[in-house]
Amino acid sequence: MKNPNLYAVLLGGKIRENNLMEDHHLVFVVAENEKEARKLSKTKWDAVEIHVDGTQKISSVDGYQINLEKTNKEDDDSLVNPKYSA
């Protein structure tokens, strides 16, 4: 990835197919642009009728700059537990 950016993505969806109300889930993804971030974020939550309610590119927080560095780890510790919202 040439230009990785950190994105916070707010997802909406139903955690069970027959639920009347939708739930929301905030996930973080590394992507080159917002379009890619929206696509990747949907793979991090096991819900029905997933849609993106909002995205935000994060480059700094509370006066601290965010710098992304690739790790040597093959597995991803940031995958969302699908039972989190159950």
C-alpha atoms as a PDB file:
ATOM      1  CA  MET A   1       0.000   0.000   0.000  1.00  0.00           C
ATOM      2  CA  LYS A   2       1.589   3.258  -1.147  1.00  0.00           C
ATOM      3  CA  ASN A   3      -0.288   5.791   0.958  1.00  0.00           C
ATOM      4  CA  PRO A   4      -1.916   4.112   3.996  1.00  0.00           C
ATOM      5  CA  ASN A   5      -4.366   6.133   6.062  1.00  0.00           C
ATOM      6  CA  LEU A   6      -6.285   5.297   9.221  1.00  0.00           C
ATOM      7  CA  TYR A   7     -10.083   5.553   8.960  1.00  0.00           C
ATOM      8  CA  ALA A   8     -12.812   5.270  11.567  1.00  0.00           C
ATOM      9  CA  VAL A   9     -15.965   3.876   9.956  1.00  0.00           C
ATOM     10  CA  LEU A  10     -19.390   3.772  11.589  1.00  0.00           C
ATOM     11  CA  LEU A  11     -21.397   0.804  10.350  1.00  0.00           C
ATOM     12  CA  GLY A  12     -25.116   0.214  10.696  1.00  0.00           C
ATOM     13  CA  GLY A  13     -26.865  -3.121  10.346  1.00  0.00           C
ATOM     14  CA  LYS A  14     -28.977  -5.768  12.011  1.00  0.00           C
ATOM     15  CA  ILE A  15     -27.241  -8.296  14.237  1.00  0.00           C
ATOM     16  CA  ARG A  16     -30.091 -10.745  13.597  1.00  0.00           C
ATOM     17  CA  GLU A  17     -32.116 -10.982  10.404  1.00  0.00           C
ATOM     18  CA  ASN A  18     -35.493 -10.628  12.128  1.00  0.00           C
ATOM     19  CA  ASN A  19     -34.515  -7.636  14.315  1.00  0.00           C
ATOM     20  CA  LEU A  20     -36.692  -4.562  13.906  1.00  0.00           C
ATOM     21  CA  MET A  21     -33.993  -2.106  15.031  1.00  0.00           C
ATOM     22  CA  GLU A  22     -30.475  -1.772  13.681  1.00  0.00           C
ATOM     23  CA  ASP A  23     -27.287  -1.792  15.710  1.00  0.00           C
ATOM     24  CA  HIS A  24     -24.130   0.250  15.095  1.00  0.00           C
ATOM     25  CA  HIS A  25     -20.479  -0.686  15.196  1.00  0.00           C
ATOM     26  CA  LEU A  26     -17.371   1.505  14.957  1.00  0.00           C
ATOM     27  CA  VAL A  27     -14.398  -0.114  13.206  1.00  0.00           C
ATOM     28  CA  PHE A  28     -10.949   1.094  12.241  1.00  0.00           C
ATOM     29  CA  VAL A  29      -9.311   0.227   8.925  1.00  0.00           C
ATOM     30  CA  VAL A  30      -6.154   1.124   7.046  1.00  0.00           C
ATOM     31  CA  ALA A  31      -6.829   2.047   3.433  1.00  0.00           C
ATOM     32  CA  GLU A  32      -5.541   4.342   0.694  1.00  0.00           C
ATOM     33  CA  ASN A  33      -8.836   6.200   0.260  1.00  0.00           C
ATOM     34  CA  GLU A  34     -12.350   6.501   1.658  1.00  0.00           C
ATOM     35  CA  LYS A  35     -13.928   4.237  -0.960  1.00  0.00           C
ATOM     36  CA  GLU A  36     -11.553   1.408  -0.062  1.00  0.00           C
ATOM     37  CA  ALA A  37     -12.070   2.060   3.668  1.00  0.00           C
ATOM     38  CA  ARG A  38     -15.847   1.742   3.286  1.00  0.00           C
ATOM     39  CA  LYS A  39     -15.447  -1.589   1.470  1.00  0.00           C
ATOM     40  CA  LEU A  40     -12.922  -3.043   3.946  1.00  0.00           C
ATOM     41  CA  SER A  41     -14.921  -1.985   6.995  1.00  0.00           C
ATOM     42  CA  LYS A  42     -17.902  -4.118   6.003  1.00  0.00           C
ATOM     43  CA  THR A  43     -15.739  -7.261   6.241  1.00  0.00           C
ATOM     44  CA  LYS A  44     -15.066  -6.586   9.934  1.00  0.00           C
ATOM     45  CA  TRP A  45     -18.621  -7.057  11.186  1.00  0.00           C
ATOM     46  CA  ASP A  46     -20.863 -10.083  10.828  1.00  0.00           C
ATOM     47  CA  ALA A  47     -24.278  -8.443  10.535  1.00  0.00           C
ATOM     48  CA  VAL A  48     -27.213  -8.292   8.124  1.00  0.00           C
ATOM     49  CA  GLU A  49     -27.901  -5.369   5.769  1.00  0.00           C
ATOM     50  CA  ILE A  50     -24.579  -3.661   6.629  1.00  0.00           C
ATOM     51  CA  HIS A  51     -24.231  -0.096   5.446  1.00  0.00           C
ATOM     52  CA  VAL A  52     -21.810   2.749   6.178  1.00  0.00           C
ATOM     53  CA  ASP A  53     -23.237   5.626   8.202  1.00  0.00           C
ATOM     54  CA  GLY A  54     -20.039   7.670   8.210  1.00  0.00           C
ATOM     55  CA  THR A  55     -16.284   7.715   7.725  1.00  0.00           C
ATOM     56  CA  GLN A  56     -13.504   9.848   9.127  1.00  0.00           C
ATOM     57  CA  LYS A  57      -9.865   9.880   8.068  1.00  0.00           C
ATOM     58  CA  ILE A  58      -7.736  10.143  11.211  1.00  0.00           C
ATOM     59  CA  SER A  59      -4.373  11.865  10.940  1.00  0.00           C
ATOM     60  CA  SER A  60      -4.068  13.281  14.472  1.00  0.00           C
ATOM     61  CA  VAL A  61      -5.697  12.931  17.897  1.00  0.00           C
ATOM     62  CA  ASP A  62      -5.385  15.369  20.811  1.00  0.00           C
ATOM     63  CA  GLY A  63      -2.307  17.009  19.319  1.00  0.00           C
ATOM     64  CA  TYR A  64      -0.594  13.710  18.445  1.00  0.00           C
ATOM     65  CA  GLN A  65       0.109  12.813  14.830  1.00  0.00           C
ATOM     66  CA  ILE A  66      -0.799   9.283  13.692  1.00  0.00           C
ATOM     67  CA  ASN A  67       1.997   7.463  11.840  1.00  0.00           C
ATOM     68  CA  LEU A  68       1.327   4.023  10.372  1.00  0.00           C
ATOM     69  CA  GLU A  69       4.073   1.408  10.099  1.00  0.00           C
ATOM     70  CA  LYS A  70       3.655  -2.074   8.634  1.00  0.00           C
ATOM     71  CA  THR A  71       4.346  -4.869  11.144  1.00  0.00           C
ATOM     72  CA  ASN A  72       5.813  -8.296  10.467  1.00  0.00           C
ATOM     73  CA  LYS A  73       2.768 -10.011  11.991  1.00  0.00           C
ATOM     74  CA  GLU A  74       0.757 -12.137   9.585  1.00  0.00           C
ATOM     75  CA  ASP A  75      -2.412 -12.394  11.674  1.00  0.00           C
ATOM     76  CA  ASP A  76      -4.570  -9.374  12.440  1.00  0.00           C
ATOM     77  CA  ASP A  77      -5.354  -8.687  16.091  1.00  0.00           C
ATOM     78  CA  SER A  78      -7.855  -5.994  15.139  1.00  0.00           C
ATOM     79  CA  LEU A  79     -10.510  -8.278  13.646  1.00  0.00           C
ATOM     80  CA  VAL A  80     -13.838  -7.724  15.353  1.00  0.00           C
ATOM     81  CA  ASN A  81     -15.326 -10.484  17.447  1.00  0.00           C
ATOM     82  CA  PRO A  82     -18.602 -11.348  15.644  1.00  0.00           C
ATOM     83  CA  LYS A  83     -20.292 -12.072  18.988  1.00  0.00           C
ATOM     84  CA  TYR A  84     -19.443  -8.609  20.348  1.00  0.00           C
ATOM     85  CA  SER A  85     -22.914  -7.182  19.731  1.00  0.00           C
ATOM     86  CA  ALA A  86     -24.900 -10.381  20.274  1.00  0.00           C
END
